[in-house]
């Protein structure tokens, strides 16, 4: 896909992975909008990096647990750039809870995880679908996790949301074809990121062992 002149929207662009994705898209020729929750300074740094590549950029504050915020963001990004060609569902929330600690994984944690990591990406795909369909070559890339392919990761809730996101990718690929292609990337633990640093040592060590044991999960992809 030729990216020059295209517009991408990357959720969680203030984070380490989201920022790297936004910068790579800009280097490849795309204008890039990003979302952030509270890390406004980090979001501004990503915007500056994109504009340094000679591309247009925009940062939008988004609560992807809020359907109204999602719809407003889709409208704002389209209004600013006049088109949206790529949606990267990267933003997620996690908290380190050992699988054995059933008591700590309560309903509030479970619901926040699913609303952010699974319902949010679906509602974003739904909100951006009319814009992605417009030119007949839209793309959605969902950032899942190796935890969605085997029982591992920061918590049972996180692993379950990522498993759901992988299957949501398959369903969206069927439902949005042929105008929009939908794919998924499932990386293992990404060292040095803020999310990785939040994990308890025991959980992080377990993720490292599982990532080495199943290297093929880094290449998992689903498309129409």
N, C-alpha and C. Protein backbone atom coordinates (compact mmCIF):
# COMPACT_ATOMS: atom_id res chain seq x y z
N UNK A 1 0.85 -1.19 0.00
CA UNK A 1 0.00 0.00 0.00
C UNK A 1 0.88 1.24 0.00
N UNK A 2 0.67 2.11 -0.96
CA UNK A 2 1.40 3.38 -1.02
C UNK A 2 0.83 4.32 0.03
N UNK A 3 1.68 4.83 0.94
CA UNK A 3 1.19 5.62 2.06
C UNK A 3 1.27 7.13 1.83
N UNK A 4 1.96 7.57 0.82
CA UNK A 4 2.08 9.00 0.57
C UNK A 4 0.70 9.61 0.33
N UNK A 5 0.38 10.63 1.12
CA UNK A 5 -0.90 11.28 0.99
C UNK A 5 -2.02 10.62 1.76
N UNK A 6 -1.76 9.47 2.37
CA UNK A 6 -2.77 8.78 3.16
C UNK A 6 -2.75 9.33 4.60
N UNK A 7 -3.84 9.07 5.32
CA UNK A 7 -3.94 9.48 6.72
C UNK A 7 -4.17 8.27 7.60
N UNK A 8 -3.40 8.17 8.68
CA UNK A 8 -3.54 7.09 9.64
C UNK A 8 -3.94 7.66 11.00
N UNK A 9 -4.73 6.90 11.73
CA UNK A 9 -5.07 7.25 13.10
C UNK A 9 -4.58 6.13 14.01
N UNK A 10 -3.71 6.46 14.96
CA UNK A 10 -3.10 5.49 15.86
C UNK A 10 -3.57 5.78 17.28
N UNK A 11 -4.29 4.86 17.88
CA UNK A 11 -4.71 5.06 19.26
C UNK A 11 -3.53 4.79 20.18
N UNK A 12 -3.50 5.50 21.30
CA UNK A 12 -2.39 5.32 22.24
C UNK A 12 -1.08 5.81 21.69
N UNK A 13 -1.11 6.87 20.91
CA UNK A 13 0.11 7.38 20.28
C UNK A 13 1.06 8.07 21.22
N UNK A 14 0.64 8.27 22.48
CA UNK A 14 1.54 8.85 23.47
C UNK A 14 2.40 7.78 24.13
N UNK A 15 2.06 6.52 23.93
CA UNK A 15 2.83 5.41 24.51
C UNK A 15 4.00 5.02 23.63
N UNK A 16 4.81 4.13 24.14
CA UNK A 16 6.04 3.77 23.44
C UNK A 16 5.75 3.06 22.12
N UNK A 17 4.89 2.06 22.13
CA UNK A 17 4.59 1.32 20.91
C UNK A 17 3.82 2.20 19.93
N UNK A 18 2.80 2.90 20.43
CA UNK A 18 2.01 3.76 19.57
C UNK A 18 2.83 4.85 18.92
N UNK A 19 3.76 5.43 19.67
CA UNK A 19 4.63 6.46 19.12
C UNK A 19 5.52 5.89 18.03
N UNK A 20 6.07 4.71 18.26
CA UNK A 20 6.92 4.07 17.25
C UNK A 20 6.13 3.78 15.97
N UNK A 21 4.88 3.35 16.12
CA UNK A 21 4.04 3.09 14.95
C UNK A 21 3.78 4.38 14.19
N UNK A 22 3.44 5.43 14.92
CA UNK A 22 3.15 6.72 14.29
C UNK A 22 4.36 7.24 13.53
N UNK A 23 5.53 7.13 14.12
CA UNK A 23 6.75 7.61 13.46
C UNK A 23 7.06 6.79 12.20
N UNK A 24 6.86 5.48 12.28
CA UNK A 24 7.13 4.63 11.12
C UNK A 24 6.18 4.96 9.97
N UNK A 25 4.91 5.21 10.29
CA UNK A 25 3.95 5.58 9.27
C UNK A 25 4.32 6.91 8.62
N UNK A 26 4.79 7.85 9.45
CA UNK A 26 5.19 9.15 8.92
C UNK A 26 6.40 9.02 7.99
N UNK A 27 7.37 8.22 8.39
CA UNK A 27 8.55 8.00 7.54
C UNK A 27 8.13 7.39 6.20
N UNK A 28 7.08 6.55 6.23
CA UNK A 28 6.61 5.89 5.01
C UNK A 28 5.74 6.81 4.15
N UNK A 29 5.41 8.00 4.66
CA UNK A 29 4.70 8.97 3.84
C UNK A 29 3.33 9.37 4.31
N UNK A 30 2.83 8.79 5.39
CA UNK A 30 1.46 9.07 5.83
C UNK A 30 1.40 10.26 6.78
N UNK A 31 0.29 10.98 6.72
CA UNK A 31 -0.06 11.92 7.78
C UNK A 31 -0.63 11.09 8.92
N UNK A 32 -0.37 11.52 10.17
CA UNK A 32 -0.72 10.66 11.30
C UNK A 32 -1.40 11.46 12.41
N UNK A 33 -2.60 11.01 12.78
CA UNK A 33 -3.26 11.50 13.98
C UNK A 33 -3.09 10.45 15.07
N UNK A 34 -3.02 10.90 16.31
CA UNK A 34 -2.87 9.97 17.43
C UNK A 34 -3.86 10.33 18.53
N UNK A 35 -4.14 9.36 19.38
CA UNK A 35 -4.94 9.65 20.57
C UNK A 35 -4.08 9.49 21.81
N UNK A 36 -4.53 10.14 22.87
CA UNK A 36 -3.88 9.99 24.17
C UNK A 36 -4.96 10.12 25.24
N UNK A 37 -4.65 9.63 26.44
CA UNK A 37 -5.58 9.76 27.55
C UNK A 37 -5.11 10.88 28.47
N UNK A 38 -3.95 10.72 29.07
CA UNK A 38 -3.47 11.74 29.99
C UNK A 38 -2.05 12.22 29.72
N UNK A 39 -1.31 11.49 28.88
CA UNK A 39 0.10 11.81 28.63
C UNK A 39 0.20 12.86 27.50
N UNK A 40 -0.24 14.08 27.80
CA UNK A 40 -0.28 15.11 26.76
C UNK A 40 1.12 15.49 26.27
N UNK A 41 2.09 15.54 27.17
CA UNK A 41 3.45 15.90 26.78
C UNK A 41 4.05 14.84 25.85
N UNK A 42 3.83 13.58 26.16
CA UNK A 42 4.33 12.51 25.30
C UNK A 42 3.63 12.53 23.95
N UNK A 43 2.33 12.84 23.95
CA UNK A 43 1.58 12.95 22.70
C UNK A 43 2.15 14.07 21.84
N UNK A 44 2.48 15.20 22.48
CA UNK A 44 3.05 16.33 21.74
C UNK A 44 4.39 15.96 21.12
N UNK A 45 5.17 15.14 21.83
CA UNK A 45 6.46 14.71 21.29
C UNK A 45 6.27 13.84 20.05
N UNK A 46 5.25 12.99 20.07
CA UNK A 46 4.96 12.17 18.89
C UNK A 46 4.52 13.03 17.73
N UNK A 47 3.67 14.00 17.99
CA UNK A 47 3.23 14.93 16.94
C UNK A 47 4.43 15.66 16.34
N UNK A 48 5.34 16.11 17.19
CA UNK A 48 6.54 16.80 16.69
C UNK A 48 7.38 15.88 15.82
N UNK A 49 7.50 14.62 16.21
CA UNK A 49 8.28 13.66 15.42
C UNK A 49 7.66 13.44 14.05
N UNK A 50 6.34 13.39 14.00
CA UNK A 50 5.65 13.21 12.71
C UNK A 50 5.84 14.43 11.83
N UNK A 51 5.67 15.62 12.40
CA UNK A 51 5.83 16.83 11.60
C UNK A 51 7.28 17.03 11.16
N UNK A 52 8.22 16.55 11.95
CA UNK A 52 9.63 16.62 11.55
C UNK A 52 9.90 15.81 10.28
N UNK A 53 9.03 14.84 10.01
CA UNK A 53 9.14 14.04 8.79
C UNK A 53 8.48 14.74 7.60
N UNK A 54 7.93 15.93 7.84
CA UNK A 54 7.26 16.65 6.77
C UNK A 54 5.81 16.27 6.60
N UNK A 55 5.21 15.59 7.61
CA UNK A 55 3.82 15.16 7.52
C UNK A 55 2.94 15.99 8.44
N UNK A 56 1.65 15.95 8.20
CA UNK A 56 0.70 16.59 9.08
C UNK A 56 0.40 15.66 10.26
N UNK A 57 0.08 16.27 11.40
CA UNK A 57 -0.20 15.45 12.57
C UNK A 57 -1.22 16.15 13.46
N UNK A 58 -1.82 15.37 14.34
CA UNK A 58 -2.84 15.87 15.25
C UNK A 58 -2.92 14.92 16.44
N UNK A 59 -3.04 15.48 17.64
CA UNK A 59 -3.25 14.67 18.85
C UNK A 59 -4.64 14.97 19.40
N UNK A 60 -5.39 13.92 19.69
CA UNK A 60 -6.75 14.06 20.19
C UNK A 60 -6.87 13.29 21.49
N UNK A 61 -7.42 13.93 22.52
CA UNK A 61 -7.66 13.22 23.78
C UNK A 61 -8.87 12.31 23.61
N UNK A 62 -8.70 11.04 23.96
CA UNK A 62 -9.75 10.05 23.72
C UNK A 62 -9.89 9.12 24.92
N UNK A 63 -11.12 8.95 25.37
CA UNK A 63 -11.44 7.91 26.34
C UNK A 63 -12.17 6.83 25.57
N UNK A 64 -11.48 5.74 25.22
CA UNK A 64 -12.11 4.76 24.37
C UNK A 64 -13.05 3.82 25.12
N UNK A 65 -13.29 4.12 26.38
CA UNK A 65 -14.38 3.46 27.11
C UNK A 65 -15.69 4.21 26.90
N UNK A 66 -15.63 5.38 26.28
CA UNK A 66 -16.78 6.26 26.12
C UNK A 66 -17.20 6.32 24.65
N UNK A 67 -18.33 5.72 24.26
CA UNK A 67 -18.74 5.74 22.86
C UNK A 67 -18.86 7.14 22.27
N UNK A 68 -19.33 8.10 23.06
CA UNK A 68 -19.47 9.46 22.56
C UNK A 68 -18.10 10.06 22.24
N UNK A 69 -17.10 9.78 23.06
CA UNK A 69 -15.75 10.27 22.82
C UNK A 69 -15.17 9.65 21.55
N UNK A 70 -15.47 8.38 21.31
CA UNK A 70 -15.00 7.71 20.10
C UNK A 70 -15.61 8.34 18.85
N UNK A 71 -16.92 8.56 18.87
CA UNK A 71 -17.58 9.16 17.71
C UNK A 71 -17.06 10.57 17.45
N UNK A 72 -16.85 11.35 18.51
CA UNK A 72 -16.34 12.71 18.35
C UNK A 72 -14.93 12.71 17.79
N UNK A 73 -14.13 11.74 18.21
CA UNK A 73 -12.75 11.64 17.72
C UNK A 73 -12.73 11.31 16.24
N UNK A 74 -13.56 10.36 15.82
CA UNK A 74 -13.61 10.00 14.40
C UNK A 74 -13.99 11.20 13.55
N UNK A 75 -14.96 11.97 14.01
CA UNK A 75 -15.39 13.16 13.28
C UNK A 75 -14.29 14.22 13.23
N UNK A 76 -13.59 14.40 14.36
CA UNK A 76 -12.54 15.42 14.43
C UNK A 76 -11.36 15.07 13.52
N UNK A 77 -10.96 13.82 13.51
CA UNK A 77 -9.82 13.41 12.67
C UNK A 77 -10.18 13.56 11.19
N UNK A 78 -11.37 13.14 10.82
CA UNK A 78 -11.78 13.27 9.41
C UNK A 78 -11.91 14.73 9.01
N UNK A 79 -12.44 15.55 9.88
CA UNK A 79 -12.58 16.97 9.57
C UNK A 79 -11.22 17.64 9.38
N UNK A 80 -10.25 17.25 10.21
CA UNK A 80 -8.94 17.88 10.15
C UNK A 80 -8.18 17.50 8.88
N UNK A 81 -8.23 16.22 8.49
CA UNK A 81 -7.42 15.75 7.37
C UNK A 81 -8.21 15.58 6.07
N UNK A 82 -9.53 15.48 6.18
CA UNK A 82 -10.34 15.29 4.99
C UNK A 82 -10.46 13.85 4.52
N UNK A 83 -9.73 12.95 5.16
CA UNK A 83 -9.79 11.54 4.83
C UNK A 83 -9.10 10.74 5.94
N UNK A 84 -9.50 9.48 6.07
CA UNK A 84 -8.82 8.55 6.98
C UNK A 84 -8.71 7.22 6.24
N UNK A 85 -7.50 6.71 6.12
CA UNK A 85 -7.25 5.48 5.37
C UNK A 85 -6.86 4.30 6.23
N UNK A 86 -6.29 4.59 7.41
CA UNK A 86 -5.73 3.53 8.25
C UNK A 86 -6.12 3.78 9.70
N UNK A 87 -6.61 2.75 10.36
CA UNK A 87 -6.86 2.79 11.80
C UNK A 87 -5.98 1.75 12.47
N UNK A 88 -5.18 2.18 13.42
CA UNK A 88 -4.36 1.25 14.21
C UNK A 88 -4.88 1.25 15.64
N UNK A 89 -5.51 0.15 16.02
CA UNK A 89 -6.04 -0.01 17.37
C UNK A 89 -4.91 -0.51 18.27
N UNK A 90 -4.18 0.43 18.83
CA UNK A 90 -3.01 0.10 19.65
C UNK A 90 -3.25 0.30 21.14
N UNK A 91 -4.09 1.27 21.51
CA UNK A 91 -4.27 1.61 22.93
C UNK A 91 -4.86 0.45 23.71
N UNK A 92 -4.33 0.24 24.90
CA UNK A 92 -4.84 -0.82 25.78
C UNK A 92 -4.50 -0.46 27.22
N UNK A 93 -5.17 -1.14 28.13
CA UNK A 93 -4.90 -0.96 29.55
C UNK A 93 -4.58 -2.31 30.15
N UNK A 94 -3.59 -2.34 31.05
CA UNK A 94 -3.30 -3.60 31.74
C UNK A 94 -2.89 -3.34 33.18
N UNK A 95 -2.90 -4.37 33.94
CA UNK A 95 -2.42 -4.34 35.32
C UNK A 95 -1.93 -5.75 35.62
N UNK A 96 -0.83 -5.84 36.31
CA UNK A 96 -0.25 -7.14 36.59
C UNK A 96 -0.95 -7.85 37.74
N UNK A 97 -1.67 -8.93 37.42
CA UNK A 97 -2.32 -9.75 38.44
C UNK A 97 -2.02 -11.21 38.09
N UNK A 98 -1.33 -11.91 38.97
CA UNK A 98 -0.99 -13.30 38.71
C UNK A 98 -2.25 -14.13 38.48
N UNK A 99 -2.17 -15.09 37.58
CA UNK A 99 -3.33 -15.92 37.26
C UNK A 99 -3.89 -16.60 38.52
N UNK A 100 -3.02 -16.90 39.46
CA UNK A 100 -3.45 -17.60 40.67
C UNK A 100 -4.19 -16.69 41.66
N UNK A 101 -4.08 -15.37 41.47
CA UNK A 101 -4.66 -14.42 42.41
C UNK A 101 -6.08 -14.05 41.96
N UNK A 102 -6.98 -15.01 42.05
CA UNK A 102 -8.36 -14.83 41.60
C UNK A 102 -9.04 -13.69 42.35
N UNK A 103 -8.76 -13.55 43.63
CA UNK A 103 -9.44 -12.52 44.43
C UNK A 103 -9.12 -11.11 43.94
N UNK A 104 -7.91 -10.89 43.47
CA UNK A 104 -7.52 -9.54 43.03
C UNK A 104 -8.16 -9.15 41.71
N UNK A 105 -8.51 -10.14 40.89
CA UNK A 105 -9.12 -9.86 39.59
C UNK A 105 -10.63 -9.75 39.78
N UNK A 106 -11.06 -8.56 40.22
CA UNK A 106 -12.48 -8.38 40.52
C UNK A 106 -13.25 -7.86 39.30
N UNK A 107 -14.53 -7.63 39.46
CA UNK A 107 -15.39 -7.23 38.35
C UNK A 107 -14.99 -5.88 37.77
N UNK A 108 -14.56 -4.96 38.62
CA UNK A 108 -14.20 -3.63 38.14
C UNK A 108 -12.98 -3.69 37.22
N UNK A 109 -11.96 -4.45 37.62
CA UNK A 109 -10.77 -4.61 36.79
C UNK A 109 -11.14 -5.31 35.48
N UNK A 110 -11.93 -6.38 35.58
CA UNK A 110 -12.34 -7.13 34.39
C UNK A 110 -13.08 -6.22 33.40
N UNK A 111 -14.04 -5.46 33.90
CA UNK A 111 -14.85 -4.61 33.03
C UNK A 111 -14.02 -3.50 32.39
N UNK A 112 -13.14 -2.87 33.18
CA UNK A 112 -12.30 -1.82 32.61
C UNK A 112 -11.41 -2.38 31.51
N UNK A 113 -10.87 -3.58 31.73
CA UNK A 113 -9.99 -4.19 30.74
C UNK A 113 -10.75 -4.47 29.44
N UNK A 114 -11.93 -5.04 29.55
CA UNK A 114 -12.70 -5.39 28.35
C UNK A 114 -13.23 -4.15 27.65
N UNK A 115 -13.66 -3.16 28.40
CA UNK A 115 -14.16 -1.94 27.77
C UNK A 115 -13.05 -1.22 27.00
N UNK A 116 -11.85 -1.23 27.55
CA UNK A 116 -10.73 -0.54 26.91
C UNK A 116 -10.13 -1.36 25.78
N UNK A 117 -9.86 -2.63 26.04
CA UNK A 117 -9.04 -3.44 25.13
C UNK A 117 -9.83 -4.16 24.05
N UNK A 118 -11.14 -4.34 24.24
CA UNK A 118 -11.92 -5.10 23.26
C UNK A 118 -13.12 -4.31 22.73
N UNK A 119 -13.94 -3.79 23.63
CA UNK A 119 -15.07 -3.00 23.14
C UNK A 119 -14.59 -1.74 22.44
N UNK A 120 -13.57 -1.09 22.99
CA UNK A 120 -13.05 0.13 22.39
C UNK A 120 -12.61 -0.05 20.94
N UNK A 121 -11.76 -1.03 20.64
CA UNK A 121 -11.35 -1.25 19.25
C UNK A 121 -12.53 -1.53 18.32
N UNK A 122 -13.54 -2.28 18.81
CA UNK A 122 -14.72 -2.51 17.96
C UNK A 122 -15.43 -1.19 17.66
N UNK A 123 -15.68 -0.39 18.69
CA UNK A 123 -16.40 0.86 18.49
C UNK A 123 -15.59 1.83 17.62
N UNK A 124 -14.28 1.80 17.73
CA UNK A 124 -13.44 2.63 16.87
C UNK A 124 -13.54 2.17 15.42
N UNK A 125 -13.50 0.86 15.20
CA UNK A 125 -13.65 0.34 13.83
C UNK A 125 -15.01 0.75 13.27
N UNK A 126 -16.03 0.67 14.08
CA UNK A 126 -17.39 1.04 13.66
C UNK A 126 -17.46 2.52 13.32
N UNK A 127 -16.86 3.37 14.17
CA UNK A 127 -16.93 4.81 13.95
C UNK A 127 -16.15 5.26 12.72
N UNK A 128 -15.01 4.61 12.48
CA UNK A 128 -14.16 5.01 11.35
C UNK A 128 -14.53 4.31 10.05
N UNK A 129 -15.39 3.29 10.11
CA UNK A 129 -15.72 2.51 8.92
C UNK A 129 -16.18 3.34 7.73
N UNK A 130 -17.09 4.32 7.89
CA UNK A 130 -17.51 5.09 6.72
C UNK A 130 -16.36 5.82 6.03
N UNK A 131 -15.41 6.31 6.81
CA UNK A 131 -14.27 7.02 6.24
C UNK A 131 -13.30 6.04 5.58
N UNK A 132 -13.09 4.89 6.20
CA UNK A 132 -12.17 3.89 5.65
C UNK A 132 -12.71 3.28 4.36
N UNK A 133 -14.03 3.18 4.26
CA UNK A 133 -14.64 2.61 3.05
C UNK A 133 -14.61 3.57 1.86
N UNK A 134 -14.52 4.84 2.14
CA UNK A 134 -14.76 5.87 1.12
C UNK A 134 -13.91 5.71 -0.12
N UNK A 135 -12.63 5.32 0.07
CA UNK A 135 -11.71 5.22 -1.06
C UNK A 135 -11.46 3.78 -1.49
N UNK A 136 -12.15 2.84 -0.85
CA UNK A 136 -12.08 1.44 -1.26
C UNK A 136 -10.79 0.72 -0.91
N UNK A 137 -9.96 1.33 -0.07
CA UNK A 137 -8.68 0.67 0.27
C UNK A 137 -8.33 0.92 1.74
N UNK A 138 -9.33 0.93 2.62
CA UNK A 138 -9.09 1.16 4.03
C UNK A 138 -8.36 0.00 4.68
N UNK A 139 -7.68 0.31 5.77
CA UNK A 139 -6.93 -0.70 6.52
C UNK A 139 -7.16 -0.52 8.01
N UNK A 140 -7.36 -1.63 8.72
CA UNK A 140 -7.38 -1.63 10.18
C UNK A 140 -6.33 -2.63 10.65
N UNK A 141 -5.50 -2.20 11.59
CA UNK A 141 -4.50 -3.08 12.20
C UNK A 141 -4.75 -3.08 13.70
N UNK A 142 -5.08 -4.23 14.24
CA UNK A 142 -5.29 -4.39 15.67
C UNK A 142 -4.02 -4.91 16.33
N UNK A 143 -3.59 -4.25 17.38
CA UNK A 143 -2.39 -4.70 18.11
C UNK A 143 -2.86 -5.57 19.28
N UNK A 144 -2.74 -6.87 19.12
CA UNK A 144 -3.15 -7.82 20.15
C UNK A 144 -1.93 -8.18 21.01
N UNK A 145 -1.75 -9.43 21.32
CA UNK A 145 -0.65 -9.86 22.18
C UNK A 145 -0.50 -11.37 22.08
N UNK A 146 0.71 -11.84 22.31
CA UNK A 146 0.93 -13.28 22.42
C UNK A 146 0.07 -13.88 23.53
N UNK A 147 -0.29 -13.06 24.51
CA UNK A 147 -1.15 -13.53 25.60
C UNK A 147 -2.53 -13.94 25.10
N UNK A 148 -2.91 -13.48 23.92
CA UNK A 148 -4.19 -13.87 23.36
C UNK A 148 -4.15 -15.21 22.65
N UNK A 149 -2.95 -15.79 22.55
CA UNK A 149 -2.78 -17.07 21.85
C UNK A 149 -2.50 -18.23 22.78
N UNK A 150 -2.05 -17.93 23.99
CA UNK A 150 -1.81 -18.97 24.98
C UNK A 150 -1.97 -18.33 26.36
N UNK A 151 -2.18 -19.11 27.41
CA UNK A 151 -2.48 -18.55 28.74
C UNK A 151 -1.25 -17.93 29.38
N UNK A 152 -1.07 -16.65 29.14
CA UNK A 152 0.05 -15.91 29.70
C UNK A 152 -0.28 -14.44 29.73
N UNK A 153 0.74 -13.61 29.98
CA UNK A 153 0.52 -12.17 29.99
C UNK A 153 0.32 -11.65 31.40
N UNK A 154 -0.12 -10.40 31.47
CA UNK A 154 -0.17 -9.70 32.74
C UNK A 154 -1.31 -10.14 33.64
N UNK A 155 -2.37 -10.67 33.07
CA UNK A 155 -3.49 -11.15 33.87
C UNK A 155 -4.41 -12.00 33.00
N UNK A 156 -5.31 -12.74 33.63
CA UNK A 156 -6.29 -13.51 32.86
C UNK A 156 -7.20 -12.59 32.06
N UNK A 157 -7.54 -11.44 32.65
CA UNK A 157 -8.42 -10.50 31.95
C UNK A 157 -7.73 -9.96 30.70
N UNK A 158 -6.46 -9.57 30.85
CA UNK A 158 -5.71 -9.04 29.71
C UNK A 158 -5.60 -10.09 28.61
N UNK A 159 -5.25 -11.32 28.97
CA UNK A 159 -5.12 -12.39 27.98
C UNK A 159 -6.45 -12.63 27.28
N UNK A 160 -7.54 -12.57 28.02
CA UNK A 160 -8.85 -12.82 27.44
C UNK A 160 -9.25 -11.70 26.48
N UNK A 161 -8.92 -10.45 26.83
CA UNK A 161 -9.24 -9.35 25.90
C UNK A 161 -8.47 -9.49 24.61
N UNK A 162 -7.23 -9.92 24.69
CA UNK A 162 -6.41 -10.03 23.48
C UNK A 162 -6.83 -11.23 22.63
N UNK A 163 -7.28 -12.30 23.28
CA UNK A 163 -7.85 -13.40 22.53
C UNK A 163 -9.10 -12.95 21.80
N UNK A 164 -9.91 -12.16 22.49
CA UNK A 164 -11.10 -11.61 21.85
C UNK A 164 -10.77 -10.69 20.70
N UNK A 165 -9.72 -9.88 20.86
CA UNK A 165 -9.33 -8.96 19.80
C UNK A 165 -8.86 -9.70 18.56
N UNK A 166 -8.16 -10.81 18.76
CA UNK A 166 -7.72 -11.62 17.63
C UNK A 166 -8.92 -12.15 16.86
N UNK A 167 -9.92 -12.65 17.58
CA UNK A 167 -11.10 -13.18 16.88
C UNK A 167 -11.96 -12.04 16.32
N UNK A 168 -12.00 -10.91 17.01
CA UNK A 168 -12.70 -9.74 16.46
C UNK A 168 -12.09 -9.35 15.13
N UNK A 169 -10.77 -9.46 15.02
CA UNK A 169 -10.10 -9.16 13.76
C UNK A 169 -10.64 -10.03 12.64
N UNK A 170 -10.78 -11.32 12.91
CA UNK A 170 -11.32 -12.23 11.90
C UNK A 170 -12.74 -11.83 11.50
N UNK A 171 -13.55 -11.50 12.51
CA UNK A 171 -14.94 -11.14 12.24
C UNK A 171 -15.04 -9.84 11.46
N UNK A 172 -14.24 -8.85 11.83
CA UNK A 172 -14.25 -7.58 11.11
C UNK A 172 -13.76 -7.76 9.68
N UNK A 173 -12.77 -8.65 9.50
CA UNK A 173 -12.25 -8.89 8.15
C UNK A 173 -13.35 -9.42 7.24
N UNK A 174 -14.20 -10.27 7.79
CA UNK A 174 -15.33 -10.80 7.01
C UNK A 174 -16.38 -9.70 6.78
N UNK A 175 -16.70 -8.97 7.85
CA UNK A 175 -17.77 -7.99 7.77
C UNK A 175 -17.43 -6.76 6.96
N UNK A 176 -16.14 -6.40 6.86
CA UNK A 176 -15.75 -5.17 6.19
C UNK A 176 -15.17 -5.37 4.80
N UNK A 177 -14.99 -6.63 4.40
CA UNK A 177 -14.49 -6.90 3.05
C UNK A 177 -15.56 -6.48 2.02
N UNK A 178 -15.14 -6.07 0.82
CA UNK A 178 -13.75 -5.98 0.35
C UNK A 178 -13.13 -4.60 0.49
N UNK A 179 -13.91 -3.61 0.96
CA UNK A 179 -13.38 -2.24 0.98
C UNK A 179 -12.30 -2.02 2.02
N UNK A 180 -12.38 -2.77 3.13
CA UNK A 180 -11.45 -2.58 4.24
C UNK A 180 -10.78 -3.90 4.58
N UNK A 181 -9.47 -3.93 4.62
CA UNK A 181 -8.71 -5.11 5.06
C UNK A 181 -8.38 -4.96 6.54
N UNK A 182 -8.55 -6.04 7.27
CA UNK A 182 -8.34 -6.01 8.72
C UNK A 182 -7.30 -7.05 9.09
N UNK A 183 -6.26 -6.63 9.79
CA UNK A 183 -5.19 -7.53 10.20
C UNK A 183 -4.86 -7.34 11.67
N UNK A 184 -4.12 -8.29 12.22
CA UNK A 184 -3.78 -8.27 13.63
C UNK A 184 -2.31 -8.63 13.82
N UNK A 185 -1.68 -7.97 14.78
CA UNK A 185 -0.30 -8.27 15.16
C UNK A 185 -0.33 -8.69 16.63
N UNK A 186 0.36 -9.77 16.98
CA UNK A 186 0.34 -10.29 18.35
C UNK A 186 1.76 -10.38 18.89
N UNK A 187 2.35 -9.28 19.35
CA UNK A 187 3.72 -9.33 19.87
C UNK A 187 3.78 -9.92 21.28
N UNK A 188 4.96 -10.35 21.66
CA UNK A 188 5.20 -10.75 23.04
C UNK A 188 5.51 -9.53 23.88
N UNK A 189 6.13 -9.75 25.03
CA UNK A 189 6.50 -8.65 25.91
C UNK A 189 7.47 -7.72 25.21
N UNK A 190 7.16 -6.43 25.19
CA UNK A 190 8.03 -5.43 24.57
C UNK A 190 8.80 -4.74 25.68
N UNK A 191 10.07 -5.07 25.80
CA UNK A 191 10.89 -4.55 26.89
C UNK A 191 11.06 -3.03 26.78
N UNK A 192 11.13 -2.38 27.95
CA UNK A 192 11.44 -0.96 28.00
C UNK A 192 10.24 -0.05 27.89
N UNK A 193 9.07 -0.60 27.61
CA UNK A 193 7.88 0.24 27.51
C UNK A 193 7.31 0.51 28.90
N UNK A 194 6.53 1.57 29.01
CA UNK A 194 5.91 1.89 30.29
C UNK A 194 5.00 0.75 30.75
N UNK A 195 4.29 0.15 29.80
CA UNK A 195 3.39 -0.94 30.16
C UNK A 195 4.15 -2.12 30.74
N UNK A 196 5.29 -2.47 30.12
CA UNK A 196 6.09 -3.58 30.61
C UNK A 196 6.66 -3.27 31.99
N UNK A 197 7.03 -2.02 32.21
CA UNK A 197 7.63 -1.64 33.48
C UNK A 197 6.62 -1.64 34.63
N UNK A 198 5.34 -1.61 34.31
CA UNK A 198 4.31 -1.64 35.35
C UNK A 198 4.06 -3.04 35.88
N UNK A 199 4.55 -4.05 35.17
CA UNK A 199 4.25 -5.43 35.57
C UNK A 199 5.09 -5.85 36.77
N UNK A 200 4.52 -6.61 37.70
CA UNK A 200 5.32 -7.21 38.77
C UNK A 200 6.41 -8.10 38.17
N UNK A 201 7.54 -8.22 38.86
CA UNK A 201 8.67 -8.98 38.33
C UNK A 201 8.29 -10.42 37.99
N UNK A 202 7.48 -11.03 38.83
CA UNK A 202 7.09 -12.42 38.59
C UNK A 202 6.29 -12.56 37.30
N UNK A 203 5.39 -11.61 37.06
CA UNK A 203 4.57 -11.64 35.85
C UNK A 203 5.43 -11.38 34.62
N UNK A 204 6.34 -10.40 34.72
CA UNK A 204 7.21 -10.08 33.59
C UNK A 204 8.13 -11.25 33.24
N UNK A 205 8.68 -11.91 34.25
CA UNK A 205 9.55 -13.05 33.99
C UNK A 205 8.78 -14.18 33.30
N UNK A 206 7.54 -14.40 33.71
CA UNK A 206 6.72 -15.42 33.07
C UNK A 206 6.46 -15.07 31.62
N UNK A 207 6.19 -13.80 31.34
CA UNK A 207 5.95 -13.36 29.96
C UNK A 207 7.19 -13.54 29.11
N UNK A 208 8.36 -13.27 29.69
CA UNK A 208 9.61 -13.44 28.93
C UNK A 208 9.81 -14.91 28.56
N UNK A 209 9.57 -15.81 29.51
CA UNK A 209 9.75 -17.23 29.23
C UNK A 209 8.79 -17.70 28.14
N UNK A 210 7.57 -17.26 28.19
CA UNK A 210 6.58 -17.69 27.21
C UNK A 210 6.85 -17.08 25.84
N UNK A 211 7.36 -15.85 25.81
CA UNK A 211 7.68 -15.22 24.52
C UNK A 211 8.80 -15.97 23.83
N UNK A 212 9.80 -16.39 24.60
CA UNK A 212 10.89 -17.15 23.99
C UNK A 212 10.42 -18.53 23.55
N UNK A 213 9.49 -19.10 24.32
CA UNK A 213 9.04 -20.46 24.02
C UNK A 213 8.16 -20.52 22.78
N UNK A 214 7.48 -19.39 22.46
CA UNK A 214 6.56 -19.38 21.33
C UNK A 214 6.89 -18.22 20.40
N UNK A 215 8.08 -18.23 19.76
CA UNK A 215 8.49 -17.08 18.95
C UNK A 215 7.59 -16.85 17.76
N UNK A 216 6.91 -17.89 17.26
CA UNK A 216 6.10 -17.72 16.06
C UNK A 216 4.91 -16.79 16.27
N UNK A 217 4.50 -16.54 17.52
CA UNK A 217 3.34 -15.69 17.74
C UNK A 217 3.60 -14.27 17.26
N UNK A 218 4.85 -13.86 17.14
CA UNK A 218 5.14 -12.52 16.67
C UNK A 218 4.76 -12.34 15.20
N UNK A 219 4.55 -13.45 14.50
CA UNK A 219 4.24 -13.34 13.08
C UNK A 219 2.77 -13.63 12.81
N UNK A 220 1.97 -13.79 13.85
CA UNK A 220 0.57 -14.11 13.67
C UNK A 220 -0.17 -12.94 13.03
N UNK A 221 -0.93 -13.22 11.98
CA UNK A 221 -1.69 -12.18 11.29
C UNK A 221 -2.96 -12.76 10.73
N UNK A 222 -3.99 -11.96 10.73
CA UNK A 222 -5.27 -12.38 10.18
C UNK A 222 -5.72 -11.33 9.18
N UNK A 223 -6.17 -11.73 8.01
CA UNK A 223 -6.64 -10.78 7.03
C UNK A 223 -7.80 -11.39 6.26
N UNK A 224 -8.48 -10.56 5.54
CA UNK A 224 -9.59 -11.06 4.73
C UNK A 224 -9.07 -11.79 3.50
